[in-house]
Amino acid sequence: MRNRCALRPEEFELLALLGRYAGEAVARERLMAQVWDENWFGSTKALDVTMAGLRRRLAEAADSSPRPVRLPLITTLRGHGYRLEDG
């Protein structure tokens, strides 16, 4: 049986985009343009809040799993963006 983790649409898109570029640094601007769209006029804090939510939901899913689960490691690259670590 697979573990399931309910993600909001932006969380899913963010994880999918980071997954496409696993091991590579992805700039905040690129994430904002591709996840929210290039015409987003809100604060870039939306990215930080969504990332925090994504990390929290992944951790909660892992904690509720009957078996040990290895979480994807998402590294914050201060002043640049994020990276989903390979392996």
N, C-alpha and C. Protein backbone atom coordinates (compact mmCIF):
# COMPACT_ATOMS: atom_id res chain seq x y z
N MET A 1 0.83 -1.18 0.00
CA MET A 1 0.00 0.00 0.00
C MET A 1 0.88 1.25 0.00
N ARG A 2 0.55 2.21 -0.81
CA ARG A 2 1.32 3.45 -0.91
C ARG A 2 0.84 4.45 0.11
N ASN A 3 1.78 5.26 0.57
CA ASN A 3 1.42 6.37 1.45
C ASN A 3 0.88 7.50 0.59
N ARG A 4 -0.11 8.19 1.10
CA ARG A 4 -0.68 9.31 0.37
C ARG A 4 -0.49 10.58 1.17
N CYS A 5 -0.33 11.65 0.42
CA CYS A 5 -0.15 12.95 1.05
C CYS A 5 -0.98 13.95 0.26
N ALA A 6 -1.99 14.52 0.90
CA ALA A 6 -2.85 15.50 0.23
C ALA A 6 -2.11 16.83 0.17
N LEU A 7 -1.90 17.31 -1.05
CA LEU A 7 -1.21 18.59 -1.26
C LEU A 7 -2.16 19.58 -1.92
N ARG A 8 -1.97 20.84 -1.60
CA ARG A 8 -2.68 21.90 -2.32
C ARG A 8 -2.09 22.00 -3.71
N PRO A 9 -2.84 22.56 -4.67
CA PRO A 9 -2.34 22.63 -6.05
C PRO A 9 -0.96 23.29 -6.17
N GLU A 10 -0.75 24.40 -5.46
CA GLU A 10 0.55 25.09 -5.55
C GLU A 10 1.66 24.25 -4.94
N GLU A 11 1.35 23.53 -3.85
CA GLU A 11 2.35 22.66 -3.23
C GLU A 11 2.75 21.54 -4.19
N PHE A 12 1.75 20.95 -4.84
CA PHE A 12 2.02 19.89 -5.80
C PHE A 12 2.88 20.40 -6.96
N GLU A 13 2.50 21.54 -7.53
CA GLU A 13 3.25 22.11 -8.64
C GLU A 13 4.68 22.46 -8.24
N LEU A 14 4.84 22.98 -7.04
CA LEU A 14 6.16 23.33 -6.54
C LEU A 14 7.03 22.08 -6.40
N LEU A 15 6.49 21.03 -5.81
CA LEU A 15 7.24 19.78 -5.65
C LEU A 15 7.55 19.16 -7.01
N ALA A 16 6.60 19.19 -7.92
CA ALA A 16 6.82 18.63 -9.26
C ALA A 16 7.92 19.40 -10.00
N LEU A 17 7.90 20.72 -9.90
CA LEU A 17 8.91 21.53 -10.58
C LEU A 17 10.29 21.27 -9.99
N LEU A 18 10.38 21.24 -8.66
CA LEU A 18 11.66 20.93 -8.03
C LEU A 18 12.13 19.52 -8.41
N GLY A 19 11.18 18.60 -8.52
CA GLY A 19 11.52 17.23 -8.92
C GLY A 19 12.07 17.15 -10.33
N ARG A 20 11.55 17.97 -11.22
CA ARG A 20 12.07 18.00 -12.60
C ARG A 20 13.52 18.45 -12.65
N TYR A 21 13.90 19.26 -11.68
CA TYR A 21 15.27 19.80 -11.65
C TYR A 21 16.01 19.32 -10.39
N ALA A 22 15.73 18.09 -9.97
CA ALA A 22 16.34 17.55 -8.75
C ALA A 22 17.86 17.69 -8.82
N GLY A 23 18.42 18.17 -7.72
CA GLY A 23 19.86 18.36 -7.64
C GLY A 23 20.33 19.70 -8.15
N GLU A 24 19.44 20.46 -8.77
CA GLU A 24 19.80 21.77 -9.32
C GLU A 24 19.12 22.88 -8.52
N ALA A 25 19.78 24.01 -8.44
CA ALA A 25 19.19 25.18 -7.80
C ALA A 25 18.12 25.76 -8.72
N VAL A 26 16.95 26.04 -8.16
CA VAL A 26 15.87 26.65 -8.93
C VAL A 26 15.59 28.02 -8.30
N ALA A 27 15.72 29.05 -9.10
CA ALA A 27 15.57 30.42 -8.62
C ALA A 27 14.13 30.71 -8.19
N ARG A 28 14.02 31.57 -7.19
CA ARG A 28 12.70 31.99 -6.70
C ARG A 28 11.85 32.54 -7.83
N GLU A 29 12.46 33.36 -8.69
CA GLU A 29 11.72 33.98 -9.78
C GLU A 29 11.14 32.93 -10.72
N ARG A 30 11.90 31.88 -10.99
CA ARG A 30 11.42 30.81 -11.87
C ARG A 30 10.27 30.07 -11.21
N LEU A 31 10.41 29.78 -9.93
CA LEU A 31 9.33 29.09 -9.21
C LEU A 31 8.06 29.93 -9.21
N MET A 32 8.21 31.22 -8.94
CA MET A 32 7.04 32.10 -8.92
C MET A 32 6.37 32.16 -10.29
N ALA A 33 7.18 32.29 -11.34
CA ALA A 33 6.63 32.41 -12.70
C ALA A 33 5.94 31.13 -13.14
N GLN A 34 6.48 29.98 -12.76
CA GLN A 34 5.92 28.72 -13.25
C GLN A 34 4.83 28.14 -12.36
N VAL A 35 4.89 28.41 -11.06
CA VAL A 35 3.87 27.86 -10.17
C VAL A 35 2.69 28.82 -10.06
N TRP A 36 2.95 30.10 -9.90
CA TRP A 36 1.86 31.06 -9.76
C TRP A 36 1.50 31.70 -11.09
N ASP A 37 2.41 32.03 -11.88
CA ASP A 37 2.35 32.56 -13.24
C ASP A 37 3.09 33.89 -13.27
N GLU A 38 3.56 34.22 -14.45
CA GLU A 38 4.43 35.40 -14.58
C GLU A 38 3.72 36.72 -14.31
N ASN A 39 2.40 36.70 -14.25
CA ASN A 39 1.66 37.93 -13.98
C ASN A 39 1.27 38.08 -12.51
N TRP A 40 1.85 37.26 -11.64
CA TRP A 40 1.55 37.33 -10.21
C TRP A 40 2.01 38.68 -9.67
N PHE A 41 1.13 39.37 -8.99
CA PHE A 41 1.46 40.67 -8.45
C PHE A 41 1.54 40.67 -6.93
N GLY A 42 1.31 39.51 -6.32
CA GLY A 42 1.38 39.42 -4.86
C GLY A 42 2.82 39.35 -4.39
N SER A 43 2.96 39.18 -3.11
CA SER A 43 4.27 39.08 -2.47
C SER A 43 4.92 37.74 -2.80
N THR A 44 6.25 37.74 -2.85
CA THR A 44 6.96 36.47 -3.03
C THR A 44 6.93 35.66 -1.74
N LYS A 45 6.38 36.23 -0.68
CA LYS A 45 6.19 35.48 0.56
C LYS A 45 5.25 34.30 0.33
N ALA A 46 4.43 34.37 -0.71
CA ALA A 46 3.55 33.25 -1.04
C ALA A 46 4.38 31.99 -1.27
N LEU A 47 5.54 32.14 -1.88
CA LEU A 47 6.43 31.00 -2.11
C LEU A 47 6.92 30.43 -0.79
N ASP A 48 7.34 31.29 0.12
CA ASP A 48 7.85 30.84 1.41
C ASP A 48 6.77 30.13 2.23
N VAL A 49 5.56 30.68 2.22
CA VAL A 49 4.45 30.10 2.96
C VAL A 49 4.07 28.74 2.35
N THR A 50 4.05 28.67 1.03
CA THR A 50 3.71 27.42 0.36
C THR A 50 4.79 26.36 0.61
N MET A 51 6.05 26.76 0.59
CA MET A 51 7.13 25.82 0.87
C MET A 51 7.02 25.29 2.30
N ALA A 52 6.72 26.16 3.25
CA ALA A 52 6.55 25.72 4.64
C ALA A 52 5.40 24.72 4.75
N GLY A 53 4.32 25.00 4.06
CA GLY A 53 3.17 24.08 4.05
C GLY A 53 3.51 22.75 3.42
N LEU A 54 4.24 22.78 2.32
CA LEU A 54 4.66 21.55 1.65
C LEU A 54 5.53 20.71 2.58
N ARG A 55 6.51 21.33 3.19
CA ARG A 55 7.38 20.59 4.11
C ARG A 55 6.58 20.01 5.28
N ARG A 56 5.64 20.78 5.81
CA ARG A 56 4.82 20.32 6.93
C ARG A 56 3.96 19.13 6.52
N ARG A 57 3.32 19.21 5.37
CA ARG A 57 2.45 18.11 4.92
C ARG A 57 3.25 16.84 4.65
N LEU A 58 4.44 16.99 4.07
CA LEU A 58 5.28 15.81 3.83
C LEU A 58 5.71 15.18 5.15
N ALA A 59 6.08 16.01 6.12
CA ALA A 59 6.49 15.49 7.43
C ALA A 59 5.33 14.80 8.14
N GLU A 60 4.13 15.39 8.06
CA GLU A 60 2.96 14.78 8.69
C GLU A 60 2.63 13.44 8.05
N ALA A 61 2.75 13.36 6.73
CA ALA A 61 2.49 12.09 6.04
C ALA A 61 3.51 11.04 6.46
N ALA A 62 4.76 11.43 6.59
CA ALA A 62 5.80 10.50 7.01
C ALA A 62 5.56 10.04 8.45
N ASP A 63 5.18 10.98 9.31
CA ASP A 63 4.94 10.64 10.72
C ASP A 63 3.77 9.69 10.91
N SER A 64 2.78 9.80 10.04
CA SER A 64 1.59 8.96 10.18
C SER A 64 1.72 7.62 9.45
N SER A 65 2.83 7.43 8.78
CA SER A 65 3.05 6.19 8.04
C SER A 65 3.41 5.05 9.00
N PRO A 66 2.87 3.85 8.75
CA PRO A 66 3.21 2.72 9.61
C PRO A 66 4.65 2.24 9.41
N ARG A 67 5.24 2.58 8.27
CA ARG A 67 6.63 2.21 7.98
C ARG A 67 7.48 3.46 7.90
N PRO A 68 8.78 3.32 8.15
CA PRO A 68 9.67 4.48 7.99
C PRO A 68 9.62 5.02 6.56
N VAL A 69 9.53 6.32 6.43
CA VAL A 69 9.45 6.97 5.13
C VAL A 69 10.59 7.97 5.02
N ARG A 70 11.26 7.93 3.89
CA ARG A 70 12.33 8.89 3.64
C ARG A 70 11.75 10.10 2.92
N LEU A 71 11.83 11.25 3.56
CA LEU A 71 11.29 12.48 2.99
C LEU A 71 12.23 13.06 1.95
N PRO A 72 11.66 13.69 0.92
CA PRO A 72 12.53 14.42 0.00
C PRO A 72 13.12 15.62 0.75
N LEU A 73 14.39 15.85 0.58
CA LEU A 73 15.05 16.96 1.25
C LEU A 73 15.04 18.18 0.33
N ILE A 74 14.40 19.23 0.78
CA ILE A 74 14.34 20.48 0.02
C ILE A 74 15.21 21.48 0.75
N THR A 75 16.27 21.91 0.10
CA THR A 75 17.22 22.85 0.69
C THR A 75 16.87 24.27 0.27
N THR A 76 16.87 25.17 1.24
CA THR A 76 16.69 26.60 0.96
C THR A 76 18.03 27.19 0.60
N LEU A 77 18.10 27.85 -0.51
CA LEU A 77 19.33 28.52 -0.96
C LEU A 77 19.11 30.01 -0.77
N ARG A 78 19.54 30.48 0.36
CA ARG A 78 19.29 31.87 0.77
C ARG A 78 19.68 32.86 -0.32
N GLY A 79 18.74 33.72 -0.66
CA GLY A 79 18.99 34.74 -1.67
C GLY A 79 18.85 34.23 -3.10
N HIS A 80 18.57 32.93 -3.27
CA HIS A 80 18.45 32.40 -4.63
C HIS A 80 17.14 31.64 -4.84
N GLY A 81 16.94 30.56 -4.10
CA GLY A 81 15.75 29.75 -4.32
C GLY A 81 15.80 28.47 -3.50
N TYR A 82 15.48 27.36 -4.16
CA TYR A 82 15.40 26.06 -3.49
C TYR A 82 16.01 24.99 -4.37
N ARG A 83 16.35 23.86 -3.72
CA ARG A 83 16.87 22.70 -4.47
C ARG A 83 16.32 21.44 -3.82
N LEU A 84 15.79 20.53 -4.63
CA LEU A 84 15.41 19.21 -4.17
C LEU A 84 16.66 18.35 -4.31
N GLU A 85 17.13 17.83 -3.19
CA GLU A 85 18.39 17.09 -3.19
C GLU A 85 18.22 15.76 -3.90
N ASP A 86 19.21 15.39 -4.67
CA ASP A 86 19.24 14.09 -5.35
C ASP A 86 19.48 12.99 -4.33
N GLY A 87 18.92 11.82 -4.61
CA GLY A 87 19.16 10.66 -3.76
C GLY A 87 18.38 10.75 -2.54
